[in-house]
Amino acid sequence: MTTEKITALATAPPARRSRRGLIGMLAANAASLSANRVLSIALPWFVLTTTGSIAKTGLVAFCQIVPYVISQALSGPLIDRIGPKRISVVGDLVSAIAMAFAPLLYLGGGLSFGTLLALMAVVGIADGPANGAKGLFVPSATRAAQVSLERGTGLSAAVERTATTVGPAVAGVVVASCGSVYALWVTAALFALSALIVSTTLANPVPEPHERPVDETTGYLAQLREGADFLRGARLLRAIVGMLAVTNLLDQAFMSVLLPLWAKESGHGPEAIGLVVSVFAATSIVAALVAAAVAERLPRRTVYLVGFVIGGIPRFVAMAVGVPLWAVLVVLAVGGFGSGFVNPIIGAVTYELIPTPLLGRVKTLAQAVTWAGIPFGGLLGAGLVTVSGLTGALWIVGGLYLVAIVVPGMGNEWTGMRKRTARSGPLDRDPIAETPVPERITEEPVPEKSSV
């Protein structure tokens, strides 16, 4: 880039503010995430009521989630090359068609169990890249809206938590009033709505002026390896991904085994499960909205680690020592509020660490790694309960959770959570990464990059 072009960039008038992309990104995420949450309730119930087999119910879920994780991990180079908009739209449309076929074939008497497994695998293969692609719109959408990156990631987290709360409720109402087969139609409609929103409101993100374009002439495997090399070399990003992979595994053990067993053995019944999940989700939504407003002014490392500890550890202790239900709910309310600050900070740091040209291949791979242990969470929880009982399992999982947070959180790389700007000095290497990153332009002063 010549000095004249840099000077022109520095003196150019600021871009006109537009919230269209931010609203579209949030609406598309709300639709697709709600589709997944409705499906998580409707599909098991549909299989259980039509086949009567618990094994088949678990197998259907497995055939969706495993292709989801694998396809998302492998989709990064395609997202970077083709663009997240096309990947998101095509993925949502394929998911919508596959979901629509399931009830259509069922009502026509032609839905075999093998066909259902194949359709759910198609949904997983298509939905993984589509969801990964939607996350790449956050930096450009927040820049266009001229809001901080923390605000964009906070609003995204609030949408995700709301979908997690509202989606299952919608599924329950539809299943109870119309039947599970109609809830599958609702899922298909939500996927289609997401595709429509992305196609009409969002544009592919472009690299920022200080980012050097990457070589897109290399092959797919080389680009996939490039994303893996960047993730392996960026120590802070690697530490965050490792922490999330472990805590997601432990969270799944809690949700799938320890929480239901606690509700049964404590005598509170299944309604206690709904109360626990609802209270935690409600306060986490409030926290995510608060984070959207004030997180950019808070110390990232402190808030992140404290929020993780509060959101993760006390629930295990409260259930293990046998406190009353109201006390457990208070602990979960506080924990939900603490955890609500975590995702906005994770999102902001991630987007700042990864150059835009590499965003697809690095972020989708990182997200897939954080999900990798989830299919095994139930096995872990069941194994611990078998060996040490419910109380022992709660203490063990809580202790592992604490270790997973505190040990890596004390590393020097976590000081890199500070905000980054385009005017960060003539660095050829990221100060907290071992992998070279695009050079910053330093020949002439340029407008300082905002916090997004």
Protein backbone atom coordinates (compact mmCIF):
# COMPACT_ATOMS: atom_id res chain seq x y z
CA MET A 1 0.00 0.00 0.00
CA THR A 2 1.46 3.38 -1.02
CA THR A 3 1.90 6.40 1.23
CA GLU A 4 -0.69 8.31 -0.82
CA LYS A 5 -3.30 5.59 -0.28
CA ILE A 6 -2.57 5.47 3.44
CA THR A 7 -2.87 9.26 3.72
CA ALA A 8 -6.16 9.16 1.83
CA LEU A 9 -7.41 6.49 4.20
CA ALA A 10 -6.42 8.60 7.19
CA THR A 11 -8.24 11.67 5.88
CA ALA A 12 -11.31 9.86 4.56
CA PRO A 13 -14.61 10.74 6.22
CA PRO A 14 -15.96 8.14 8.65
CA ALA A 15 -18.22 5.49 7.21
CA ARG A 16 -21.94 6.01 7.60
CA ARG A 17 -23.38 4.17 10.57
CA SER A 18 -25.63 1.23 9.74
CA ARG A 19 -27.28 -1.18 12.15
CA ARG A 20 -28.76 -3.34 9.39
CA GLY A 21 -25.99 -5.94 9.53
CA LEU A 22 -25.98 -6.13 13.34
CA ILE A 23 -29.75 -6.60 13.49
CA GLY A 24 -29.65 -9.13 10.68
CA MET A 25 -26.83 -11.08 12.31
CA LEU A 26 -28.67 -11.24 15.63
CA ALA A 27 -31.97 -12.20 13.98
CA ALA A 28 -30.37 -14.94 11.88
CA ASN A 29 -28.63 -16.37 14.94
CA ALA A 30 -31.89 -16.25 16.88
CA ALA A 31 -33.68 -18.22 14.15
CA SER A 32 -31.00 -20.89 13.62
CA LEU A 33 -30.24 -21.34 17.32
CA SER A 34 -33.96 -21.61 18.09
CA ALA A 35 -34.24 -24.25 15.37
CA ASN A 36 -31.52 -26.28 17.09
CA ARG A 37 -33.10 -25.90 20.51
CA VAL A 38 -36.55 -26.92 19.24
CA LEU A 39 -34.94 -29.89 17.51
CA SER A 40 -33.14 -30.94 20.70
CA ILE A 41 -36.53 -31.46 22.37
CA ALA A 42 -38.75 -32.49 19.46
CA LEU A 43 -36.45 -35.07 17.87
CA PRO A 44 -35.83 -37.28 20.94
CA TRP A 45 -39.52 -37.18 21.79
CA PHE A 46 -40.47 -38.04 18.21
CA VAL A 47 -38.11 -41.04 18.15
CA LEU A 48 -39.09 -42.22 21.61
CA THR A 49 -42.82 -42.08 20.93
CA THR A 50 -42.62 -43.66 17.48
CA THR A 51 -40.06 -46.40 18.22
CA GLY A 52 -40.24 -46.81 22.02
CA SER A 53 -36.47 -47.38 22.03
CA ILE A 54 -34.12 -45.40 24.27
CA ALA A 55 -31.12 -46.73 22.34
CA LYS A 56 -32.52 -45.45 19.03
CA THR A 57 -33.27 -42.09 20.62
CA GLY A 58 -29.64 -41.72 21.67
CA LEU A 59 -28.37 -42.94 18.32
CA VAL A 60 -30.32 -40.28 16.40
CA ALA A 61 -28.83 -37.50 18.54
CA PHE A 62 -25.35 -38.98 18.07
CA CYS A 63 -25.80 -39.08 14.29
CA GLN A 64 -26.55 -35.37 14.30
CA ILE A 65 -23.98 -33.98 16.72
CA VAL A 66 -20.91 -35.91 15.49
CA PRO A 67 -21.28 -34.79 11.83
CA TYR A 68 -21.97 -31.28 13.15
CA VAL A 69 -18.64 -31.12 14.98
CA ILE A 70 -16.61 -32.75 12.19
CA SER A 71 -18.10 -30.67 9.36
CA GLN A 72 -17.60 -27.45 11.30
CA ALA A 73 -13.95 -28.31 11.97
CA LEU A 74 -13.34 -28.98 8.27
CA SER A 75 -15.36 -26.08 6.83
CA GLY A 76 -13.06 -23.17 7.71
CA PRO A 77 -11.07 -22.98 4.42
CA LEU A 78 -14.31 -23.18 2.41
CA ILE A 79 -15.86 -20.36 4.46
CA ASP A 80 -12.78 -18.18 3.90
CA ARG A 81 -12.69 -18.95 0.17
CA ILE A 82 -16.42 -18.91 -0.69
CA GLY A 83 -17.57 -16.45 1.95
CA PRO A 84 -19.62 -16.97 5.11
CA LYS A 85 -22.79 -15.58 3.54
CA ARG A 86 -23.10 -18.30 0.91
CA ILE A 87 -22.07 -21.07 3.32
CA SER A 88 -24.61 -19.90 5.89
CA VAL A 89 -27.48 -19.60 3.41
CA VAL A 90 -26.81 -22.93 1.68
CA GLY A 91 -26.31 -24.72 5.01
CA ASP A 92 -29.56 -23.39 6.45
CA LEU A 93 -31.49 -24.27 3.29
CA VAL A 94 -30.12 -27.83 3.24
CA SER A 95 -31.04 -28.19 6.93
CA ALA A 96 -34.53 -26.84 6.25
CA ILE A 97 -35.10 -29.26 3.37
CA ALA A 98 -33.81 -32.26 5.33
CA MET A 99 -35.96 -31.35 8.33
CA ALA A 100 -39.04 -30.89 6.13
CA PHE A 101 -38.51 -34.30 4.53
CA ALA A 102 -38.63 -36.13 7.88
CA PRO A 103 -42.25 -35.29 8.83
CA LEU A 104 -43.30 -35.43 5.17
CA LEU A 105 -42.03 -38.99 4.82
CA TYR A 106 -43.46 -39.94 8.21
CA LEU A 107 -46.95 -38.72 7.35
CA GLY A 108 -46.68 -40.59 4.05
CA GLY A 109 -45.64 -43.79 5.79
CA GLY A 110 -42.18 -43.88 4.20
CA LEU A 111 -39.86 -42.81 7.02
CA SER A 112 -37.66 -45.70 8.09
CA PHE A 113 -35.26 -45.40 11.00
CA GLY A 114 -32.27 -45.57 8.66
CA THR A 115 -33.69 -42.72 6.58
CA LEU A 116 -34.16 -40.64 9.72
CA LEU A 117 -30.54 -41.24 10.72
CA ALA A 118 -29.40 -40.16 7.25
CA LEU A 119 -31.53 -37.00 7.35
CA MET A 120 -30.19 -36.04 10.78
CA ALA A 121 -26.64 -36.61 9.58
CA VAL A 122 -27.35 -34.26 6.66
CA VAL A 123 -28.67 -31.66 9.10
CA GLY A 124 -25.52 -31.96 11.19
CA ILE A 125 -23.22 -31.73 8.17
CA ALA A 126 -25.00 -28.63 6.88
CA ASP A 127 -25.68 -26.91 10.20
CA GLY A 128 -22.11 -27.07 11.53
CA PRO A 129 -20.58 -24.88 8.77
CA ALA A 130 -23.67 -22.64 8.67
CA ASN A 131 -23.47 -21.84 12.37
CA GLY A 132 -19.71 -21.38 12.17
CA ALA A 133 -20.14 -18.98 9.25
CA LYS A 134 -22.67 -16.82 11.10
CA GLY A 135 -20.11 -16.08 13.80
CA LEU A 136 -17.85 -14.41 11.25
CA PHE A 137 -20.29 -11.55 10.67
CA VAL A 138 -19.86 -10.17 14.20
CA PRO A 139 -16.76 -7.95 13.68
CA SER A 140 -17.97 -6.34 10.43
CA ALA A 141 -21.54 -5.92 11.74
CA THR A 142 -20.36 -4.19 14.92
CA ARG A 143 -17.97 -1.98 12.95
CA ALA A 144 -20.76 -0.90 10.61
CA ALA A 145 -23.02 -0.16 13.58
CA GLN A 146 -20.12 1.74 15.22
CA VAL A 147 -20.45 -0.10 18.51
CA SER A 148 -17.79 -1.90 20.54
CA LEU A 149 -16.93 -5.50 19.83
CA GLU A 150 -17.93 -6.38 23.40
CA ARG A 151 -21.39 -4.98 22.72
CA GLY A 152 -21.77 -7.11 19.61
CA THR A 153 -20.58 -10.28 21.33
CA GLY A 154 -22.69 -9.47 24.40
CA LEU A 155 -25.82 -9.15 22.30
CA SER A 156 -24.93 -12.36 20.48
CA ALA A 157 -24.54 -14.15 23.80
CA ALA A 158 -27.89 -12.78 24.99
CA VAL A 159 -29.54 -14.08 21.80
CA GLU A 160 -27.95 -17.50 22.30
CA ARG A 161 -29.06 -17.73 25.94
CA THR A 162 -32.56 -16.56 25.03
CA ALA A 163 -32.83 -19.17 22.27
CA THR A 164 -31.67 -21.80 24.75
CA THR A 165 -34.48 -20.77 27.10
CA VAL A 166 -37.29 -20.04 24.64
CA GLY A 167 -36.60 -22.78 22.07
CA PRO A 168 -37.30 -25.75 24.37
CA ALA A 169 -40.40 -23.97 25.72
CA VAL A 170 -41.72 -23.50 22.17
CA ALA A 171 -40.95 -27.13 21.42
CA GLY A 172 -42.79 -28.25 24.52
CA VAL A 173 -45.89 -26.25 23.64
CA VAL A 174 -45.94 -27.47 20.03
CA VAL A 175 -45.30 -31.11 21.00
CA ALA A 176 -47.97 -31.02 23.70
CA SER A 177 -50.61 -29.33 21.56
CA CYS A 178 -49.92 -30.68 18.06
CA GLY A 179 -47.45 -33.53 18.34
CA SER A 180 -43.71 -33.88 17.85
CA VAL A 181 -43.97 -34.31 14.08
CA TYR A 182 -45.24 -30.73 13.79
CA ALA A 183 -42.37 -29.46 15.91
CA LEU A 184 -40.09 -30.81 13.18
CA TRP A 185 -41.94 -28.57 10.71
CA VAL A 186 -41.27 -25.63 13.03
CA THR A 187 -37.57 -26.49 12.99
CA ALA A 188 -37.53 -26.54 9.19
CA ALA A 189 -39.31 -23.17 9.06
CA LEU A 190 -36.78 -21.59 11.46
CA PHE A 191 -33.84 -22.83 9.38
CA ALA A 192 -35.46 -21.36 6.26
CA LEU A 193 -36.07 -18.07 8.06
CA SER A 194 -32.41 -17.88 9.02
CA ALA A 195 -31.37 -18.39 5.39
CA LEU A 196 -33.74 -15.62 4.29
CA ILE A 197 -32.41 -13.16 6.87
CA VAL A 198 -28.75 -13.79 6.00
CA SER A 199 -29.38 -13.52 2.25
CA THR A 200 -31.16 -10.17 2.55
CA THR A 201 -29.33 -8.34 5.35
CA LEU A 202 -25.68 -9.44 5.52
CA ALA A 203 -22.60 -9.07 3.34
CA ASN A 204 -19.33 -10.98 3.45
CA PRO A 205 -16.78 -9.35 5.80
CA VAL A 206 -13.66 -7.82 4.27
CA PRO A 207 -10.16 -7.54 5.77
CA GLU A 208 -9.37 -4.39 7.69
CA PRO A 209 -6.83 -1.93 6.22
CA HIS A 210 -4.00 -3.07 8.52
CA GLU A 211 -4.42 -6.76 7.62
CA ARG A 212 -2.37 -8.33 4.86
CA PRO A 213 -4.42 -10.63 2.58
CA VAL A 214 -3.47 -14.30 2.75
CA ASP A 215 -2.62 -16.48 -0.21
CA GLU A 216 -5.87 -18.11 -1.36
CA THR A 217 -4.22 -20.03 -4.22
CA THR A 218 -3.06 -22.82 -1.92
CA GLY A 219 -5.04 -26.02 -1.67
CA TYR A 220 -7.72 -26.93 0.84
CA LEU A 221 -5.47 -29.06 3.03
CA ALA A 222 -2.80 -26.36 3.14
CA GLN A 223 -5.39 -23.81 4.25
CA LEU A 224 -6.77 -26.17 6.87
CA ARG A 225 -3.24 -26.75 8.15
CA GLU A 226 -2.67 -23.00 8.19
CA GLY A 227 -5.66 -22.57 10.49
CA ALA A 228 -4.43 -25.37 12.75
CA ASP A 229 -0.93 -23.86 12.84
CA PHE A 230 -2.31 -20.46 13.82
CA LEU A 231 -4.44 -21.98 16.57
CA ARG A 232 -1.51 -23.99 17.88
CA GLY A 233 0.80 -20.97 17.82
CA ALA A 234 -1.53 -18.40 19.40
CA ARG A 235 -0.97 -19.25 23.06
CA LEU A 236 -3.85 -17.25 24.52
CA LEU A 237 -6.34 -18.56 21.97
CA ARG A 238 -5.06 -22.08 22.52
CA ALA A 239 -5.46 -21.71 26.29
CA ILE A 240 -9.04 -20.43 25.92
CA VAL A 241 -9.98 -23.27 23.58
CA GLY A 242 -8.44 -25.87 25.90
CA MET A 243 -10.29 -24.47 28.92
CA LEU A 244 -13.60 -24.45 27.05
CA ALA A 245 -13.11 -27.99 25.76
CA VAL A 246 -12.66 -29.31 29.30
CA THR A 247 -15.44 -27.24 30.89
CA ASN A 248 -17.89 -28.13 28.09
CA LEU A 249 -17.17 -31.80 28.73
CA LEU A 250 -17.81 -31.33 32.46
CA ASP A 251 -20.94 -29.22 31.82
CA GLN A 252 -22.34 -32.01 29.65
CA ALA A 253 -21.65 -34.56 32.38
CA PHE A 254 -23.55 -32.31 34.78
CA MET A 255 -26.52 -31.68 32.49
CA SER A 256 -26.97 -35.18 31.11
CA VAL A 257 -26.30 -37.28 34.24
CA LEU A 258 -25.54 -35.45 37.50
CA LEU A 259 -28.41 -32.94 37.42
CA PRO A 260 -31.18 -35.47 36.61
CA LEU A 261 -29.79 -37.92 39.17
CA TRP A 262 -29.60 -35.18 41.83
CA ALA A 263 -33.22 -34.21 41.12
CA LYS A 264 -34.27 -37.84 41.52
CA GLU A 265 -32.25 -38.72 44.63
CA SER A 266 -33.01 -35.46 46.43
CA GLY A 267 -36.73 -36.02 45.97
CA HIS A 268 -37.30 -32.74 44.12
CA GLY A 269 -38.48 -34.45 40.95
CA PRO A 270 -38.11 -33.51 37.28
CA GLU A 271 -39.59 -30.05 37.80
CA ALA A 272 -36.43 -29.14 39.72
CA ILE A 273 -34.40 -29.70 36.54
CA GLY A 274 -36.52 -27.15 34.71
CA LEU A 275 -36.21 -24.68 37.58
CA VAL A 276 -32.42 -25.02 37.74
CA VAL A 277 -31.95 -24.60 34.00
CA SER A 278 -34.46 -21.71 33.76
CA VAL A 279 -33.00 -19.75 36.67
CA PHE A 280 -29.45 -20.14 35.38
CA ALA A 281 -30.46 -19.16 31.84
CA ALA A 282 -32.53 -16.16 32.95
CA THR A 283 -29.77 -14.53 34.96
CA SER A 284 -27.19 -15.32 32.27
CA ILE A 285 -29.35 -13.45 29.74
CA VAL A 286 -29.42 -10.43 32.06
CA ALA A 287 -25.65 -10.65 32.52
CA ALA A 288 -25.05 -10.87 28.76
CA LEU A 289 -27.12 -7.71 28.25
CA VAL A 290 -25.18 -5.96 31.02
CA ALA A 291 -21.94 -7.11 29.40
CA ALA A 292 -23.10 -5.66 26.09
CA ALA A 293 -23.44 -2.29 27.81
CA VAL A 294 -20.41 -2.14 30.11
CA ALA A 295 -17.97 -4.98 29.33
CA GLU A 296 -15.71 -2.77 27.21
CA ARG A 297 -14.87 -0.77 30.37
CA LEU A 298 -14.17 -3.81 32.58
CA PRO A 299 -10.85 -5.67 33.09
CA ARG A 300 -11.23 -8.63 30.78
CA ARG A 301 -9.03 -11.20 32.51
CA THR A 302 -10.49 -10.59 35.97
CA VAL A 303 -14.10 -10.60 34.81
CA TYR A 304 -13.54 -13.68 32.64
CA LEU A 305 -11.92 -15.80 35.36
CA VAL A 306 -14.22 -14.64 38.17
CA GLY A 307 -17.30 -15.16 35.98
CA PHE A 308 -16.11 -18.65 35.06
CA VAL A 309 -15.48 -19.61 38.69
CA ILE A 310 -18.81 -18.24 39.93
CA GLY A 311 -20.71 -19.81 37.05
CA GLY A 312 -19.03 -23.19 37.29
CA ILE A 313 -18.01 -24.20 40.80
CA PRO A 314 -20.67 -23.31 43.45
CA ARG A 315 -23.46 -25.40 41.88
CA PHE A 316 -21.49 -28.61 42.42
CA VAL A 317 -20.75 -27.70 46.05
CA ALA A 318 -24.38 -26.74 46.79
CA MET A 319 -25.74 -30.00 45.41
CA ALA A 320 -23.01 -32.12 46.98
CA VAL A 321 -23.61 -30.81 50.52
CA GLY A 322 -27.39 -31.17 50.17
CA VAL A 323 -28.60 -27.59 50.71
CA PRO A 324 -32.35 -26.91 50.23
CA LEU A 325 -33.75 -26.36 46.76
CA TRP A 326 -34.22 -22.63 47.27
CA ALA A 327 -30.53 -22.30 48.17
CA VAL A 328 -29.52 -24.27 45.06
CA LEU A 329 -31.63 -21.92 42.96
CA VAL A 330 -29.96 -18.88 44.56
CA VAL A 331 -26.55 -20.36 43.80
CA LEU A 332 -27.59 -21.04 40.19
CA ALA A 333 -28.97 -17.51 39.83
CA VAL A 334 -25.64 -16.03 40.93
CA GLY A 335 -23.78 -18.52 38.78
CA GLY A 336 -25.82 -17.67 35.72
CA PHE A 337 -25.09 -14.00 36.19
CA GLY A 338 -21.37 -14.70 36.46
CA SER A 339 -21.28 -16.97 33.42
CA GLY A 340 -23.18 -14.43 31.33
CA PHE A 341 -20.06 -12.25 31.19
CA VAL A 342 -17.85 -15.05 29.89
CA ASN A 343 -18.98 -15.47 26.28
CA PRO A 344 -18.91 -11.74 25.37
CA ILE A 345 -15.29 -11.54 26.51
CA ILE A 346 -14.34 -14.80 24.77
CA GLY A 347 -15.91 -13.54 21.56
CA ALA A 348 -14.21 -10.13 21.67
CA VAL A 349 -10.77 -11.61 22.39
CA THR A 350 -11.16 -14.26 19.69
CA TYR A 351 -12.10 -11.77 16.98
CA GLU A 352 -9.21 -9.50 17.94
CA LEU A 353 -6.65 -12.31 17.89
CA ILE A 354 -7.60 -13.82 14.51
CA PRO A 355 -6.96 -11.83 11.30
CA THR A 356 -10.08 -11.49 9.15
CA PRO A 357 -8.64 -13.50 6.18
CA LEU A 358 -8.03 -16.45 8.53
CA LEU A 359 -11.17 -16.08 10.61
CA GLY A 360 -13.13 -18.92 9.03
CA ARG A 361 -10.46 -21.60 9.15
CA VAL A 362 -9.30 -20.72 12.68
CA LYS A 363 -12.59 -19.94 14.46
CA THR A 364 -14.52 -22.93 13.14
CA LEU A 365 -11.67 -25.24 14.06
CA ALA A 366 -11.46 -23.71 17.54
CA GLN A 367 -15.20 -24.05 18.05
CA ALA A 368 -15.15 -27.67 16.92
CA VAL A 369 -12.37 -28.43 19.41
CA THR A 370 -14.40 -26.89 22.25
CA TRP A 371 -17.32 -29.17 21.27
CA ALA A 372 -15.24 -32.30 20.85
CA GLY A 373 -15.77 -33.61 24.38
CA ILE A 374 -19.51 -32.97 24.56
CA PRO A 375 -20.56 -36.37 23.09
CA PHE A 376 -18.55 -38.04 25.86
CA GLY A 377 -19.87 -35.96 28.77
CA GLY A 378 -22.65 -38.40 29.56
CA LEU A 379 -20.20 -41.31 29.62
CA LEU A 380 -17.93 -39.41 32.00
CA GLY A 381 -20.78 -38.53 34.34
CA ALA A 382 -22.12 -42.08 34.36
CA GLY A 383 -18.67 -43.52 35.01
CA LEU A 384 -17.98 -41.20 37.93
CA VAL A 385 -21.36 -41.94 39.52
CA THR A 386 -20.73 -45.68 39.16
CA VAL A 387 -17.35 -45.41 40.86
CA SER A 388 -17.99 -42.83 43.60
CA GLY A 389 -21.74 -42.20 43.79
CA LEU A 390 -23.57 -38.97 43.10
CA THR A 391 -21.99 -36.93 45.89
CA GLY A 392 -18.50 -38.07 45.03
CA ALA A 393 -19.09 -37.40 41.34
CA LEU A 394 -20.26 -33.85 42.11
CA TRP A 395 -17.11 -33.14 44.14
CA ILE A 396 -14.86 -34.66 41.48
CA VAL A 397 -16.44 -32.76 38.59
CA GLY A 398 -16.43 -29.54 40.62
CA GLY A 399 -12.76 -30.03 41.46
CA LEU A 400 -11.84 -30.75 37.85
CA TYR A 401 -13.77 -27.64 36.82
CA LEU A 402 -11.77 -25.52 39.26
CA VAL A 403 -8.47 -26.95 38.05
CA ALA A 404 -9.47 -26.40 34.39
CA ILE A 405 -10.08 -22.71 35.13
CA VAL A 406 -7.40 -21.75 37.64
CA VAL A 407 -4.33 -23.60 36.34
CA PRO A 408 -4.34 -22.22 32.77
CA GLY A 409 -5.79 -18.91 33.99
CA MET A 410 -2.62 -18.15 35.91
CA GLY A 411 -0.45 -18.34 32.80
CA ASN A 412 1.33 -15.25 31.48
CA GLU A 413 -0.47 -15.46 28.14
CA TRP A 414 -3.72 -14.36 29.77
CA THR A 415 -2.35 -10.83 30.07
CA GLY A 416 -3.00 -10.70 26.31
CA MET A 417 -6.71 -10.27 26.97
CA ARG A 418 -6.22 -6.51 26.85
CA LYS A 419 -7.85 -4.68 23.96
CA ARG A 420 -5.96 -4.46 20.72
CA THR A 421 -5.86 -1.66 18.20
CA ALA A 422 -4.59 -1.30 14.66
CA ARG A 423 -1.95 1.15 15.89
CA SER A 424 -0.15 -1.45 17.92
CA GLY A 425 3.37 -0.79 16.75
CA PRO A 426 5.59 -2.33 14.10
CA LEU A 427 5.16 -5.93 15.14
CA ASP A 428 5.88 -8.81 12.82
CA ARG A 429 4.81 -11.31 15.47
CA ASP A 430 1.93 -11.37 17.86
CA PRO A 431 3.32 -10.76 21.38
CA ILE A 432 1.36 -13.73 22.72
CA ALA A 433 1.60 -16.03 19.74
CA GLU A 434 4.36 -18.06 18.18
CA THR A 435 2.76 -17.83 14.72
CA PRO A 436 3.40 -14.79 12.49
CA VAL A 437 0.38 -12.56 11.97
CA PRO A 438 -0.30 -10.00 9.23
CA GLU A 439 1.99 -7.00 9.53
CA ARG A 440 0.59 -3.71 10.76
CA ILE A 441 0.93 -0.73 8.43
CA THR A 442 3.19 1.83 10.02
CA GLU A 443 4.53 4.07 7.23
CA GLU A 444 2.09 6.92 8.02
CA PRO A 445 -0.37 7.54 10.84
CA VAL A 446 -3.70 5.87 10.19
CA PRO A 447 -7.02 6.24 11.97
CA GLU A 448 -6.94 4.30 15.22
CA LYS A 449 -8.97 1.15 15.09
CA SER A 450 -12.01 1.19 17.33
CA SER A 451 -12.57 -1.41 20.01
CA VAL A 452 -14.43 -3.53 17.48
